[in-house]
C-alpha atoms as a PDB file:
ATOM      1  CA  MET A   1     -35.674 -29.516 -52.343  1.00  0.00           C
ATOM      2  CA  ASP A   2     -37.843 -27.551 -54.696  1.00  0.00           C
ATOM      3  CA  LEU A   3     -40.084 -30.549 -56.075  1.00  0.00           C
ATOM      4  CA  ASP A   4     -41.383 -28.246 -58.966  1.00  0.00           C
ATOM      5  CA  LEU A   5     -37.934 -27.544 -60.051  1.00  0.00           C
ATOM      6  CA  LEU A   6     -37.265 -31.198 -59.581  1.00  0.00           C
ATOM      7  CA  GLY A   7     -40.107 -32.234 -61.779  1.00  0.00           C
ATOM      8  CA  GLN A   8     -39.499 -29.770 -64.430  1.00  0.00           C
ATOM      9  CA  ARG A   9     -35.816 -31.109 -64.798  1.00  0.00           C
ATOM     10  CA  LEU A  10     -37.008 -34.651 -64.735  1.00  0.00           C
ATOM     11  CA  GLY A  11     -39.441 -33.808 -67.648  1.00  0.00           C
ATOM     12  CA  GLU A  12     -36.848 -32.381 -69.602  1.00  0.00           C
ATOM     13  CA  ALA A  13     -34.583 -35.064 -69.280  1.00  0.00           C
ATOM     14  CA  GLY A  14     -37.498 -37.377 -70.602  1.00  0.00           C
ATOM     15  CA  GLU A  15     -37.505 -39.385 -67.139  1.00  0.00           C
ATOM     16  CA  PRO A  16     -40.892 -41.211 -66.182  1.00  0.00           C
ATOM     17  CA  ASP A  17     -42.882 -39.439 -63.534  1.00  0.00           C
ATOM     18  CA  TYR A  18     -42.284 -41.963 -60.867  1.00  0.00           C
ATOM     19  CA  ARG A  19     -38.628 -40.553 -60.686  1.00  0.00           C
ATOM     20  CA  ARG A  20     -39.706 -37.749 -58.796  1.00  0.00           C
ATOM     21  CA  GLY A  21     -41.414 -39.846 -56.144  1.00  0.00           C
ATOM     22  CA  GLN A  22     -38.208 -41.823 -55.911  1.00  0.00           C
ATOM     23  CA  ALA A  23     -36.291 -38.783 -55.009  1.00  0.00           C
ATOM     24  CA  TRP A  24     -38.607 -37.311 -52.648  1.00  0.00           C
ATOM     25  CA  ALA A  25     -38.685 -40.516 -50.726  1.00  0.00           C
ATOM     26  CA  TRP A  26     -34.708 -40.691 -50.291  1.00  0.00           C
ATOM     27  CA  GLN A  27     -35.001 -37.103 -49.208  1.00  0.00           C
ATOM     28  CA  ALA A  28     -37.726 -37.764 -46.429  1.00  0.00           C
ATOM     29  CA  ARG A  29     -35.701 -40.572 -45.153  1.00  0.00           C
ATOM     30  CA  GLY A  30     -32.883 -38.411 -44.742  1.00  0.00           C
ATOM     31  CA  ALA A  31     -30.548 -38.875 -47.605  1.00  0.00           C
ATOM     32  CA  ARG A  32     -27.662 -36.532 -47.561  1.00  0.00           C
ATOM     33  CA  ASP A  33     -26.989 -36.135 -51.415  1.00  0.00           C
ATOM     34  CA  TRP A  34     -28.230 -37.151 -54.610  1.00  0.00           C
ATOM     35  CA  GLU A  35     -25.465 -39.964 -54.848  1.00  0.00           C
ATOM     36  CA  ALA A  36     -27.297 -41.790 -52.026  1.00  0.00           C
ATOM     37  CA  MET A  37     -30.174 -42.144 -54.179  1.00  0.00           C
ATOM     38  CA  THR A  38     -29.097 -45.639 -55.826  1.00  0.00           C
ATOM     39  CA  ASP A  39     -32.449 -46.595 -57.473  1.00  0.00           C
ATOM     40  CA  LEU A  40     -31.747 -43.609 -59.687  1.00  0.00           C
ATOM     41  CA  PRO A  41     -29.612 -44.127 -62.752  1.00  0.00           C
ATOM     42  CA  ALA A  42     -25.962 -42.863 -62.126  1.00  0.00           C
ATOM     43  CA  GLY A  43     -26.103 -40.564 -65.135  1.00  0.00           C
ATOM     44  CA  LEU A  44     -29.411 -38.991 -63.930  1.00  0.00           C
ATOM     45  CA  ARG A  45     -27.849 -38.253 -60.517  1.00  0.00           C
ATOM     46  CA  GLU A  46     -25.096 -36.714 -62.024  1.00  0.00           C
ATOM     47  CA  ARG A  47     -27.549 -34.329 -64.056  1.00  0.00           C
ATOM     48  CA  LEU A  48     -29.536 -33.731 -61.111  1.00  0.00           C
ATOM     49  CA  ALA A  49     -26.491 -32.879 -58.860  1.00  0.00           C
ATOM     50  CA  ALA A  50     -25.571 -30.246 -61.666  1.00  0.00           C
ATOM     51  CA  GLU A  51     -29.070 -28.744 -62.147  1.00  0.00           C
ATOM     52  CA  VAL A  52     -31.244 -29.102 -58.913  1.00  0.00           C
ATOM     53  CA  PRO A  53     -29.868 -27.698 -55.735  1.00  0.00           C
ATOM     54  CA  PHE A  54     -30.369 -30.545 -53.026  1.00  0.00           C
ATOM     55  CA  SER A  55     -31.678 -27.969 -50.582  1.00  0.00           C
ATOM     56  CA  THR A  56     -33.257 -24.476 -50.975  1.00  0.00           C
ATOM     57  CA  LEU A  57     -31.241 -23.365 -47.861  1.00  0.00           C
ATOM     58  CA  GLU A  58     -27.601 -23.045 -47.234  1.00  0.00           C
ATOM     59  CA  LEU A  59     -26.272 -23.874 -43.706  1.00  0.00           C
ATOM     60  CA  GLU A  60     -24.522 -21.062 -42.432  1.00  0.00           C
ATOM     61  CA  ALA A  61     -24.190 -22.081 -38.891  1.00  0.00           C
ATOM     62  CA  GLU A  62     -25.097 -24.882 -36.418  1.00  0.00           C
ATOM     63  CA  GLU A  63     -24.967 -24.887 -32.404  1.00  0.00           C
ATOM     64  CA  VAL A  64     -25.904 -27.504 -29.972  1.00  0.00           C
ATOM     65  CA  SER A  65     -26.822 -26.651 -26.387  1.00  0.00           C
ATOM     66  CA  SER A  66     -25.960 -28.342 -23.400  1.00  0.00           C
ATOM     67  CA  ASP A  67     -29.326 -30.024 -23.161  1.00  0.00           C
ATOM     68  CA  GLY A  68     -29.117 -31.483 -26.737  1.00  0.00           C
ATOM     69  CA  THR A  69     -31.026 -28.754 -28.526  1.00  0.00           C
ATOM     70  CA  VAL A  70     -29.773 -28.059 -32.022  1.00  0.00           C
ATOM     71  CA  LYS A  71     -30.066 -24.423 -33.465  1.00  0.00           C
ATOM     72  CA  ALA A  72     -29.306 -23.962 -37.294  1.00  0.00           C
ATOM     73  CA  LEU A  73     -28.927 -20.610 -39.149  1.00  0.00           C
ATOM     74  CA  PHE A  74     -29.721 -20.949 -42.768  1.00  0.00           C
ATOM     75  CA  LEU A  75     -29.660 -18.590 -45.683  1.00  0.00           C
ATOM     76  CA  THR A  76     -32.189 -18.718 -48.644  1.00  0.00           C
ATOM     77  CA  ALA A  77     -30.735 -18.392 -52.188  1.00  0.00           C
ATOM     78  CA  ASP A  78     -31.276 -14.476 -52.094  1.00  0.00           C
ATOM     79  CA  ARG A  79     -29.499 -14.648 -48.718  1.00  0.00           C
ATOM     80  CA  ARG A  80     -32.391 -14.279 -46.144  1.00  0.00           C
ATOM     81  CA  PRO A  81     -31.444 -15.507 -42.708  1.00  0.00           C
ATOM     82  CA  VAL A  82     -33.647 -18.311 -41.303  1.00  0.00           C
ATOM     83  CA  GLU A  83     -33.298 -20.166 -37.889  1.00  0.00           C
ATOM     84  CA  ALA A  84     -34.880 -23.594 -37.130  1.00  0.00           C
ATOM     85  CA  VAL A  85     -34.396 -25.530 -33.891  1.00  0.00           C
ATOM     86  CA  LEU A  86     -34.625 -29.384 -33.033  1.00  0.00           C
ATOM     87  CA  MET A  87     -35.364 -30.387 -29.597  1.00  0.00           C
ATOM     88  CA  SER A  88     -35.103 -33.923 -28.190  1.00  0.00           C
ATOM     89  CA  TYR A  89     -36.858 -35.267 -25.258  1.00  0.00           C
ATOM     90  CA  ARG A  90     -36.451 -38.052 -22.823  1.00  0.00           C
ATOM     91  CA  ASP A  91     -39.638 -39.673 -23.772  1.00  0.00           C
ATOM     92  CA  GLY A  92     -38.712 -39.993 -27.347  1.00  0.00           C
ATOM     93  CA  ARG A  93     -40.161 -36.893 -28.611  1.00  0.00           C
ATOM     94  CA  ARG A  94     -38.199 -35.021 -31.486  1.00  0.00           C
ATOM     95  CA  SER A  95     -39.591 -31.968 -32.238  1.00  0.00           C
ATOM     96  CA  VAL A  96     -38.680 -29.353 -35.011  1.00  0.00           C
ATOM     97  CA  CYS A  97     -39.608 -25.881 -34.489  1.00  0.00           C
ATOM     98  CA  LEU A  98     -39.891 -24.314 -37.832  1.00  0.00           C
ATOM     99  CA  SER A  99     -39.829 -20.719 -39.132  1.00  0.00           C
ATOM    100  CA  SER A 100     -42.421 -19.487 -41.900  1.00  0.00           C
ATOM    101  CA  GLN A 101     -40.960 -16.123 -42.684  1.00  0.00           C
ATOM    102  CA  SER A 102     -37.459 -14.489 -42.428  1.00  0.00           C
ATOM    103  CA  GLY A 103     -37.901 -12.090 -39.546  1.00  0.00           C
ATOM    104  CA  CYS A 104     -41.575 -10.848 -38.661  1.00  0.00           C
ATOM    105  CA  PRO A 105     -43.311  -8.115 -39.466  1.00  0.00           C
ATOM    106  CA  LEU A 106     -45.425  -7.817 -36.379  1.00  0.00           C
ATOM    107  CA  THR A 107     -42.932  -6.506 -33.903  1.00  0.00           C
ATOM    108  CA  CYS A 108     -44.197  -8.073 -30.613  1.00  0.00           C
ATOM    109  CA  THR A 109     -41.879  -6.433 -27.867  1.00  0.00           C
ATOM    110  CA  PHE A 110     -40.712  -9.221 -26.123  1.00  0.00           C
ATOM    111  CA  CYS A 111     -39.596 -11.141 -28.787  1.00  0.00           C
ATOM    112  CA  ALA A 112     -35.981 -11.108 -30.625  1.00  0.00           C
ATOM    113  CA  THR A 113     -37.498 -11.990 -34.037  1.00  0.00           C
ATOM    114  CA  GLY A 114     -39.749  -8.968 -34.011  1.00  0.00           C
ATOM    115  CA  SER A 115     -36.871  -6.747 -33.509  1.00  0.00           C
ATOM    116  CA  MET A 116     -35.435  -8.014 -36.765  1.00  0.00           C
ATOM    117  CA  LYS A 117     -35.785  -6.334 -40.387  1.00  0.00           C
ATOM    118  CA  PHE A 118     -38.604  -8.334 -41.983  1.00  0.00           C
ATOM    119  CA  GLY A 119     -37.534 -10.030 -45.084  1.00  0.00           C
ATOM    120  CA  ARG A 120     -40.146 -12.064 -46.751  1.00  0.00           C
ATOM    121  CA  ASN A 121     -42.424 -14.927 -46.634  1.00  0.00           C
ATOM    122  CA  LEU A 122     -40.594 -18.461 -47.108  1.00  0.00           C
ATOM    123  CA  THR A 123     -41.737 -20.937 -49.869  1.00  0.00           C
ATOM    124  CA  ALA A 124     -43.199 -24.497 -48.899  1.00  0.00           C
ATOM    125  CA  TRP A 125     -39.911 -26.092 -49.941  1.00  0.00           C
ATOM    126  CA  GLU A 126     -37.888 -23.493 -47.671  1.00  0.00           C
ATOM    127  CA  ILE A 127     -39.926 -24.340 -44.818  1.00  0.00           C
ATOM    128  CA  VAL A 128     -39.708 -28.414 -45.509  1.00  0.00           C
ATOM    129  CA  ASP A 129     -36.002 -28.041 -46.037  1.00  0.00           C
ATOM    130  CA  GLN A 130     -35.347 -26.757 -42.476  1.00  0.00           C
ATOM    131  CA  ALA A 131     -37.178 -29.792 -41.188  1.00  0.00           C
ATOM    132  CA  LEU A 132     -35.048 -32.286 -43.587  1.00  0.00           C
ATOM    133  CA  HIS A 133     -31.864 -30.788 -42.407  1.00  0.00           C
ATOM    134  CA  PHE A 134     -32.721 -32.168 -39.152  1.00  0.00           C
ATOM    135  CA  ARG A 135     -34.142 -35.338 -40.422  1.00  0.00           C
ATOM    136  CA  ARG A 136     -30.523 -36.150 -41.648  1.00  0.00           C
ATOM    137  CA  ARG A 137     -29.511 -36.065 -38.020  1.00  0.00           C
ATOM    138  CA  ALA A 138     -32.297 -38.084 -36.561  1.00  0.00           C
ATOM    139  CA  GLU A 139     -36.193 -39.545 -36.917  1.00  0.00           C
ATOM    140  CA  LEU A 140     -38.580 -36.808 -36.306  1.00  0.00           C
ATOM    141  CA  ASN A 141     -42.083 -37.015 -34.844  1.00  0.00           C
ATOM    142  CA  HIS A 142     -43.615 -33.514 -33.705  1.00  0.00           C
ATOM    143  CA  CYS A 143     -43.482 -30.247 -35.497  1.00  0.00           C
ATOM    144  CA  VAL A 144     -44.300 -26.627 -34.083  1.00  0.00           C
ATOM    145  CA  PHE A 145     -44.457 -23.497 -36.330  1.00  0.00           C
ATOM    146  CA  MET A 146     -43.116 -21.228 -33.680  1.00  0.00           C
ATOM    147  CA  GLY A 147     -39.940 -20.191 -35.166  1.00  0.00           C
ATOM    148  CA  MET A 148     -39.391 -16.937 -37.086  1.00  0.00           C
ATOM    149  CA  GLY A 149     -42.698 -14.949 -38.448  1.00  0.00           C
ATOM    150  CA  GLU A 150     -46.280 -15.337 -38.202  1.00  0.00           C
ATOM    151  CA  PRO A 151     -47.463 -18.543 -39.958  1.00  0.00           C
ATOM    152  CA  MET A 152     -50.797 -17.203 -40.695  1.00  0.00           C
ATOM    153  CA  MET A 153     -49.540 -14.450 -42.798  1.00  0.00           C
ATOM    154  CA  ASN A 154     -48.039 -17.260 -44.974  1.00  0.00           C
ATOM    155  CA  LEU A 155     -50.639 -19.842 -44.721  1.00  0.00           C
ATOM    156  CA  ASP A 156     -50.480 -21.273 -48.188  1.00  0.00           C
ATOM    157  CA  ALA A 157     -46.741 -22.256 -47.681  1.00  0.00           C
ATOM    158  CA  VAL A 158     -47.217 -23.363 -44.407  1.00  0.00           C
ATOM    159  CA  LEU A 159     -50.181 -25.795 -45.352  1.00  0.00           C
ATOM    160  CA  GLY A 160     -48.027 -26.898 -48.483  1.00  0.00           C
ATOM    161  CA  ALA A 161     -45.284 -28.020 -46.159  1.00  0.00           C
ATOM    162  CA  CYS A 162     -47.731 -29.449 -43.687  1.00  0.00           C
ATOM    163  CA  GLY A 163     -48.731 -31.794 -46.644  1.00  0.00           C
ATOM    164  CA  LEU A 164     -45.074 -33.082 -46.736  1.00  0.00           C
ATOM    165  CA  LEU A 165     -44.267 -33.341 -43.095  1.00  0.00           C
ATOM    166  CA  PRO A 166     -46.023 -36.704 -42.983  1.00  0.00           C
ATOM    167  CA  ASP A 167     -43.551 -38.390 -45.167  1.00  0.00           C
ATOM    168  CA  LEU A 168     -40.663 -37.350 -42.867  1.00  0.00           C
ATOM    169  CA  GLY A 169     -42.691 -38.911 -39.734  1.00  0.00           C
ATOM    170  CA  ILE A 170     -44.649 -36.035 -38.569  1.00  0.00           C
ATOM    171  CA  THR A 171     -48.352 -36.592 -38.670  1.00  0.00           C
ATOM    172  CA  SER A 172     -50.821 -33.612 -38.828  1.00  0.00           C
ATOM    173  CA  ARG A 173     -51.825 -34.269 -35.474  1.00  0.00           C
ATOM    174  CA  ARG A 174     -48.455 -33.940 -34.179  1.00  0.00           C
ATOM    175  CA  THR A 175     -48.167 -30.497 -35.896  1.00  0.00           C
ATOM    176  CA  ALA A 176     -48.988 -27.258 -34.207  1.00  0.00           C
ATOM    177  CA  VAL A 177     -49.434 -23.723 -36.068  1.00  0.00           C
ATOM    178  CA  SER A 178     -48.911 -21.084 -33.768  1.00  0.00           C
ATOM    179  CA  THR A 179     -50.356 -17.392 -34.161  1.00  0.00           C
ATOM    180  CA  VAL A 180     -50.430 -14.195 -32.489  1.00  0.00           C
ATOM    181  CA  GLY A 181     -54.004 -13.669 -33.439  1.00  0.00           C
ATOM    182  CA  TRP A 182     -54.237 -13.196 -36.919  1.00  0.00           C
ATOM    183  CA  VAL A 183     -58.117 -13.948 -37.377  1.00  0.00           C
ATOM    184  CA  PRO A 184     -58.432 -14.544 -41.004  1.00  0.00           C
ATOM    185  CA  GLY A 185     -55.745 -17.269 -40.888  1.00  0.00           C
ATOM    186  CA  ILE A 186     -57.184 -18.882 -37.817  1.00  0.00           C
ATOM    187  CA  ASP A 187     -60.548 -18.977 -39.811  1.00  0.00           C
ATOM    188  CA  ARG A 188     -58.680 -20.357 -42.984  1.00  0.00           C
ATOM    189  CA  LEU A 189     -57.009 -23.066 -40.562  1.00  0.00           C
ATOM    190  CA  ALA A 190     -60.242 -24.250 -39.276  1.00  0.00           C
ATOM    191  CA  ALA A 191     -61.674 -24.823 -42.817  1.00  0.00           C
ATOM    192  CA  GLN A 192     -58.908 -26.705 -44.081  1.00  0.00           C
ATOM    193  CA  PRO A 193     -58.976 -30.611 -43.510  1.00  0.00           C
ATOM    194  CA  ARG A 194     -56.082 -31.432 -41.753  1.00  0.00           C
ATOM    195  CA  PRO A 195     -55.997 -32.203 -38.073  1.00  0.00           C
ATOM    196  CA  LEU A 196     -53.475 -29.627 -37.152  1.00  0.00           C
ATOM    197  CA  ARG A 197     -53.317 -28.187 -33.764  1.00  0.00           C
ATOM    198  CA  LEU A 198     -53.671 -24.523 -33.036  1.00  0.00           C
ATOM    199  CA  ALA A 199     -51.457 -22.482 -30.688  1.00  0.00           C
ATOM    200  CA  LEU A 200     -52.316 -18.937 -29.487  1.00  0.00           C
ATOM    201  CA  SER A 201     -49.652 -16.461 -28.393  1.00  0.00           C
ATOM    202  CA  LEU A 202     -52.017 -14.637 -26.072  1.00  0.00           C
ATOM    203  CA  HIS A 203     -49.671 -13.290 -23.277  1.00  0.00           C
ATOM    204  CA  ALA A 204     -52.282 -10.956 -21.868  1.00  0.00           C
ATOM    205  CA  ALA A 205     -55.905 -11.127 -21.076  1.00  0.00           C
ATOM    206  CA  ASP A 206     -56.863  -7.518 -21.601  1.00  0.00           C
ATOM    207  CA  ASP A 207     -56.497  -5.220 -24.727  1.00  0.00           C
ATOM    208  CA  ALA A 208     -54.657  -2.267 -22.903  1.00  0.00           C
ATOM    209  CA  LEU A 209     -51.686  -4.604 -21.937  1.00  0.00           C
ATOM    210  CA  ARG A 210     -51.839  -6.757 -24.926  1.00  0.00           C
ATOM    211  CA  SER A 211     -51.738  -3.847 -27.134  1.00  0.00           C
ATOM    212  CA  GLU A 212     -48.612  -2.488 -25.288  1.00  0.00           C
ATOM    213  CA  ILE A 213     -46.723  -5.877 -25.654  1.00  0.00           C
ATOM    214  CA  MET A 214     -48.182  -6.984 -28.879  1.00  0.00           C
ATOM    215  CA  PRO A 215     -49.125  -4.219 -31.351  1.00  0.00           C
ATOM    216  CA  VAL A 216     -51.251  -6.716 -33.554  1.00  0.00           C
ATOM    217  CA  ASN A 217     -54.086  -6.426 -30.805  1.00  0.00           C
ATOM    218  CA  ASP A 218     -54.976  -3.129 -32.106  1.00  0.00           C
ATOM    219  CA  ARG A 219     -55.992  -4.780 -35.219  1.00  0.00           C
ATOM    220  CA  TYR A 220     -57.400  -8.036 -33.861  1.00  0.00           C
ATOM    221  CA  PRO A 221     -58.570  -7.412 -30.093  1.00  0.00           C
ATOM    222  CA  VAL A 222     -58.748 -10.160 -27.568  1.00  0.00           C
ATOM    223  CA  SER A 223     -62.257 -10.724 -28.052  1.00  0.00           C
ATOM    224  CA  GLU A 224     -62.012 -11.066 -31.724  1.00  0.00           C
ATOM    225  CA  VAL A 225     -59.035 -13.517 -31.286  1.00  0.00           C
ATOM    226  CA  ILE A 226     -60.858 -15.745 -28.662  1.00  0.00           C
ATOM    227  CA  ALA A 227     -64.004 -15.689 -30.975  1.00  0.00           C
ATOM    228  CA  ALA A 228     -61.739 -17.097 -33.908  1.00  0.00           C
ATOM    229  CA  CYS A 229     -60.199 -19.733 -31.605  1.00  0.00           C
ATOM    230  CA  ASN A 230     -63.833 -20.807 -30.500  1.00  0.00           C
ATOM    231  CA  ARG A 231     -64.651 -21.231 -34.258  1.00  0.00           C
ATOM    232  CA  PHE A 232     -61.671 -23.329 -34.701  1.00  0.00           C
ATOM    233  CA  TYR A 233     -62.653 -25.674 -31.748  1.00  0.00           C
ATOM    234  CA  GLU A 234     -66.176 -25.865 -33.049  1.00  0.00           C
ATOM    235  CA  ALA A 235     -64.962 -27.017 -36.413  1.00  0.00           C
ATOM    236  CA  LYS A 236     -61.997 -29.174 -35.332  1.00  0.00           C
ATOM    237  CA  ARG A 237     -62.916 -30.218 -31.655  1.00  0.00           C
ATOM    238  CA  ARG A 238     -59.305 -29.798 -31.041  1.00  0.00           C
ATOM    239  CA  MET A 239     -58.114 -28.324 -27.754  1.00  0.00           C
ATOM    240  CA  VAL A 240     -56.464 -24.930 -28.461  1.00  0.00           C
ATOM    241  CA  PHE A 241     -53.194 -24.240 -26.762  1.00  0.00           C
ATOM    242  CA  VAL A 242     -52.851 -20.650 -25.165  1.00  0.00           C
ATOM    243  CA  GLU A 243     -49.014 -19.798 -25.134  1.00  0.00           C
ATOM    244  CA  TYR A 244     -48.525 -17.294 -22.242  1.00  0.00           C
ATOM    245  CA  VAL A 245     -44.912 -15.967 -21.683  1.00  0.00           C
ATOM    246  CA  MET A 246     -44.131 -14.993 -18.156  1.00  0.00           C
ATOM    247  CA  LEU A 247     -43.071 -11.549 -17.779  1.00  0.00           C
ATOM    248  CA  ALA A 248     -41.895 -10.081 -14.342  1.00  0.00           C
ATOM    249  CA  GLY A 249     -44.353  -7.474 -13.119  1.00  0.00           C
ATOM    250  CA  VAL A 250     -45.949  -6.978 -16.372  1.00  0.00           C
ATOM    251  CA  ASN A 251     -48.523  -9.989 -16.933  1.00  0.00           C
ATOM    252  CA  ASP A 252     -47.754 -12.309 -14.066  1.00  0.00           C
ATOM    253  CA  GLN A 253     -50.078 -11.396 -11.215  1.00  0.00           C
ATOM    254  CA  VAL A 254     -52.689 -13.458  -9.688  1.00  0.00           C
ATOM    255  CA  GLY A 255     -55.420 -11.107 -10.540  1.00  0.00           C
ATOM    256  CA  GLN A 256     -54.210 -11.349 -14.265  1.00  0.00           C
ATOM    257  CA  ALA A 257     -54.215 -15.193 -13.915  1.00  0.00           C
ATOM    258  CA  LEU A 258     -58.087 -14.733 -12.521  1.00  0.00           C
ATOM    259  CA  ALA A 259     -58.806 -12.500 -15.917  1.00  0.00           C
ATOM    260  CA  LEU A 260     -57.314 -15.313 -18.249  1.00  0.00           C
ATOM    261  CA  ALA A 261     -59.143 -17.999 -16.715  1.00  0.00           C
ATOM    262  CA  ASP A 262     -62.251 -15.961 -16.871  1.00  0.00           C
ATOM    263  CA  LEU A 263     -61.598 -15.494 -20.489  1.00  0.00           C
ATOM    264  CA  LEU A 264     -60.996 -19.209 -21.547  1.00  0.00           C
ATOM    265  CA  ASP A 265     -63.449 -22.014 -21.788  1.00  0.00           C
ATOM    266  CA  PRO A 266     -61.693 -25.231 -19.629  1.00  0.00           C
ATOM    267  CA  LYS A 267     -63.103 -27.684 -22.372  1.00  0.00           C
ATOM    268  CA  ARG A 268     -61.537 -25.766 -25.129  1.00  0.00           C
ATOM    269  CA  TYR A 269     -58.178 -24.358 -24.057  1.00  0.00           C
ATOM    270  CA  LYS A 270     -55.074 -25.453 -22.261  1.00  0.00           C
ATOM    271  CA  VAL A 271     -52.343 -23.139 -21.151  1.00  0.00           C
ATOM    272  CA  ASN A 272     -48.562 -23.149 -21.565  1.00  0.00           C
ATOM    273  CA  LEU A 273     -46.695 -20.998 -19.459  1.00  0.00           C
ATOM    274  CA  ILE A 274     -43.431 -19.914 -20.864  1.00  0.00           C
ATOM    275  CA  PRO A 275     -40.598 -18.858 -18.544  1.00  0.00           C
ATOM    276  CA  TYR A 276     -39.017 -15.916 -20.428  1.00  0.00           C
ATOM    277  CA  ASN A 277     -35.623 -15.951 -21.987  1.00  0.00           C
ATOM    278  CA  PRO A 278     -33.675 -12.419 -22.222  1.00  0.00           C
ATOM    279  CA  SER A 279     -33.488 -11.288 -25.712  1.00  0.00           C
ATOM    280  CA  GLY A 280     -32.205  -7.610 -25.427  1.00  0.00           C
ATOM    281  CA  SER A 281     -35.908  -6.381 -24.629  1.00  0.00           C
ATOM    282  CA  PRO A 282     -36.785  -4.337 -21.621  1.00  0.00           C
ATOM    283  CA  TYR A 283     -38.208  -7.449 -20.121  1.00  0.00           C
ATOM    284  CA  GLU A 284     -37.419  -9.629 -17.246  1.00  0.00           C
ATOM    285  CA  GLY A 285     -38.534 -13.041 -16.720  1.00  0.00           C
ATOM    286  CA  SER A 286     -40.765 -13.983 -13.931  1.00  0.00           C
ATOM    287  CA  GLY A 287     -39.341 -15.985 -11.015  1.00  0.00           C
ATOM    288  CA  LYS A 288     -40.432 -19.406 -10.265  1.00  0.00           C
ATOM    289  CA  ALA A 289     -42.687 -18.566  -7.137  1.00  0.00           C
ATOM    290  CA  ALA A 290     -44.592 -16.146  -9.332  1.00  0.00           C
ATOM    291  CA  ILE A 291     -44.827 -18.551 -12.364  1.00  0.00           C
ATOM    292  CA  GLU A 292     -46.141 -21.469  -9.878  1.00  0.00           C
ATOM    293  CA  ALA A 293     -48.869 -19.019  -8.343  1.00  0.00           C
ATOM    294  CA  PHE A 294     -49.961 -18.224 -11.730  1.00  0.00           C
ATOM    295  CA  ARG A 295     -50.414 -21.635 -12.638  1.00  0.00           C
ATOM    296  CA  ALA A 296     -52.037 -22.773  -9.392  1.00  0.00           C
ATOM    297  CA  THR A 297     -54.542 -19.903  -9.709  1.00  0.00           C
ATOM    298  CA  LEU A 298     -55.385 -21.350 -13.393  1.00  0.00           C
ATOM    299  CA  GLU A 299     -55.818 -24.953 -12.042  1.00  0.00           C
ATOM    300  CA  ASP A 300     -57.878 -23.921  -9.298  1.00  0.00           C
ATOM    301  CA  GLN A 301     -60.200 -21.837 -11.734  1.00  0.00           C
ATOM    302  CA  GLY A 302     -60.311 -25.370 -13.720  1.00  0.00           C
ATOM    303  CA  ILE A 303     -57.902 -24.226 -16.618  1.00  0.00           C
ATOM    304  CA  ARG A 304     -55.431 -27.050 -17.466  1.00  0.00           C
ATOM    305  CA  ALA A 305     -51.888 -25.189 -17.121  1.00  0.00           C
ATOM    306  CA  THR A 306     -48.399 -26.774 -17.497  1.00  0.00           C
ATOM    307  CA  VAL A 307     -45.041 -24.697 -17.271  1.00  0.00           C
ATOM    308  CA  ARG A 308     -43.062 -25.312 -20.454  1.00  0.00           C
ATOM    309  CA  LEU A 309     -39.563 -27.040 -20.106  1.00  0.00           C
ATOM    310  CA  THR A 310     -37.283 -24.183 -21.212  1.00  0.00           C
ATOM    311  CA  ARG A 311     -34.604 -25.847 -23.743  1.00  0.00           C
ATOM    312  CA  GLY A 312     -31.858 -24.155 -25.716  1.00  0.00           C
ATOM    313  CA  ARG A 313     -31.361 -21.041 -23.732  1.00  0.00           C
ATOM    314  CA  ASP A 314     -27.447 -21.076 -23.751  1.00  0.00           C
ATOM    315  CA  ILE A 315     -27.568 -21.034 -27.555  1.00  0.00           C
ATOM    316  CA  ASP A 316     -30.388 -18.495 -28.185  1.00  0.00           C
ATOM    317  CA  ALA A 317     -32.703 -21.260 -29.175  1.00  0.00           C
ATOM    318  CA  ALA A 318     -35.393 -21.120 -26.760  1.00  0.00           C
ATOM    319  CA  CYS A 319     -38.922 -19.424 -27.096  1.00  0.00           C
ATOM    320  CA  GLY A 320     -38.534 -15.877 -28.277  1.00  0.00           C
ATOM    321  CA  GLN A 321     -34.859 -16.100 -28.892  1.00  0.00           C
ATOM    322  CA  LEU A 322     -34.748 -16.637 -32.553  1.00  0.00           C
ATOM    323  CA  ALA A 323     -33.050 -13.536 -34.292  1.00  0.00           C
ATOM    324  CA  ALA A 324     -30.516 -14.837 -36.598  1.00  0.00           C
ATOM    325  CA  ARG A 325     -27.698 -12.756 -35.100  1.00  0.00           C
ATOM    326  CA  ALA A 326     -25.171 -14.431 -36.891  1.00  0.00           C
ATOM    327  CA  ALA A 327     -26.442 -13.288 -40.220  1.00  0.00           C
END
């Protein structure tokens, strides 16, 4: 819901300011329509239903994985495709993976979103409406900005959304903002007051290989990115998560694990190894033995490392697969 438009329409109707808060509280609790907001006068509900779209997004399609993961494809008012994912875990976590852009301009070679034509930045309302869609299905408690787009290139809208997510049950401490290494955004995130987590999509410890698979490295090389992440840690005292997608024969050798361990301060970084999900790229995913050897090497060097549980692969909802193919 566009709360600015809502406030404007309420003002035009001569309604008191608190009506905006009432309407938002209903949204944040998972209300499905204006009619559910029973503490708003019936006439006002009718007027708002006619003048303020309940969501800035239109649900185009939704798929449910065999593991319970839900992927939603939305269209914005100007028909831009956006995908978001809800992941539920046995320990009670219900995490939403949100998009910050329609498409992505940074063309990482292993990522399906990078192969899309870039559309535009999303507004804060369009970001929050992704989460609200899933809030109508279940209570939420975690969020990752790891969907379509580079969040640091749309940080004002991302931070605007983060200011509203606690009303949905998602605290800033349980919200992670991912980046491919957009240094100005990392520094801006470090300077703002919310205790948000930082996740770095690194995927290679040396510049030559990283530039090959992630062209953004030509602009912000590994040394500059790690220096920015170190500044983030100094400012926040919050461990940085390093995302490392495992590509067979490309970045999964023991020597590359040693190089990664040499790059990272074990007090500041934790590594998440991500089994690669086929996305029409020229890469194949590393086998279980190679992933385990890589993980063990990092652990032997004092770096905490875990292998991420892959979810939603059968509906193209796993890491690197979001591409809005139905659009």
